[in-house]
Amino acid sequence: MAFSGAENRQPGRIQQEFNSWAARSAPMPTESQLRDAVLRTGVRRRIENGQLPSYVPNRIEAGYGCGDVCVACDQPISDTQIEYEVEDDRNGRPLSFHFGCYVVWQLECTAAKPKPSAE
């Protein structure tokens, strides 16, 4: 049911000011985006200081977690979560990740790779 005249109504001054402000402002980040930004920053720091290697693994093992701590976020990987495990190419030790943390690690590894110089 349509309200009579509703489609012809002009926005009020407050709505116009809000629309103007919203058009000038960057969108507010969602909670998920904030967590991702914090995680990416943390993973980047761990790569830079050598706590995490920077490479694309040749082999990945996956399965349900068993309580191991994720090397990217320091949180346990529960038995209801998927755990990705790769071998650290520097020392052969296993590295355990939540699936999402693994993806972030790989994105940061790609970003950390030196770009070929243009000649």
Foldseek 3Di string as FASTA:
>chain_A
DDDPCPVVDDDDPVVVVVVVVVVVDDDDDDPVVVVLVVLLVQLLVCCVVVVAPQDDAPDKDKAAFDQDAASRPRGTRHRVFMWIWGARPVPRDIGIHTPVSVVSNNVSSVVPDDDDDDD
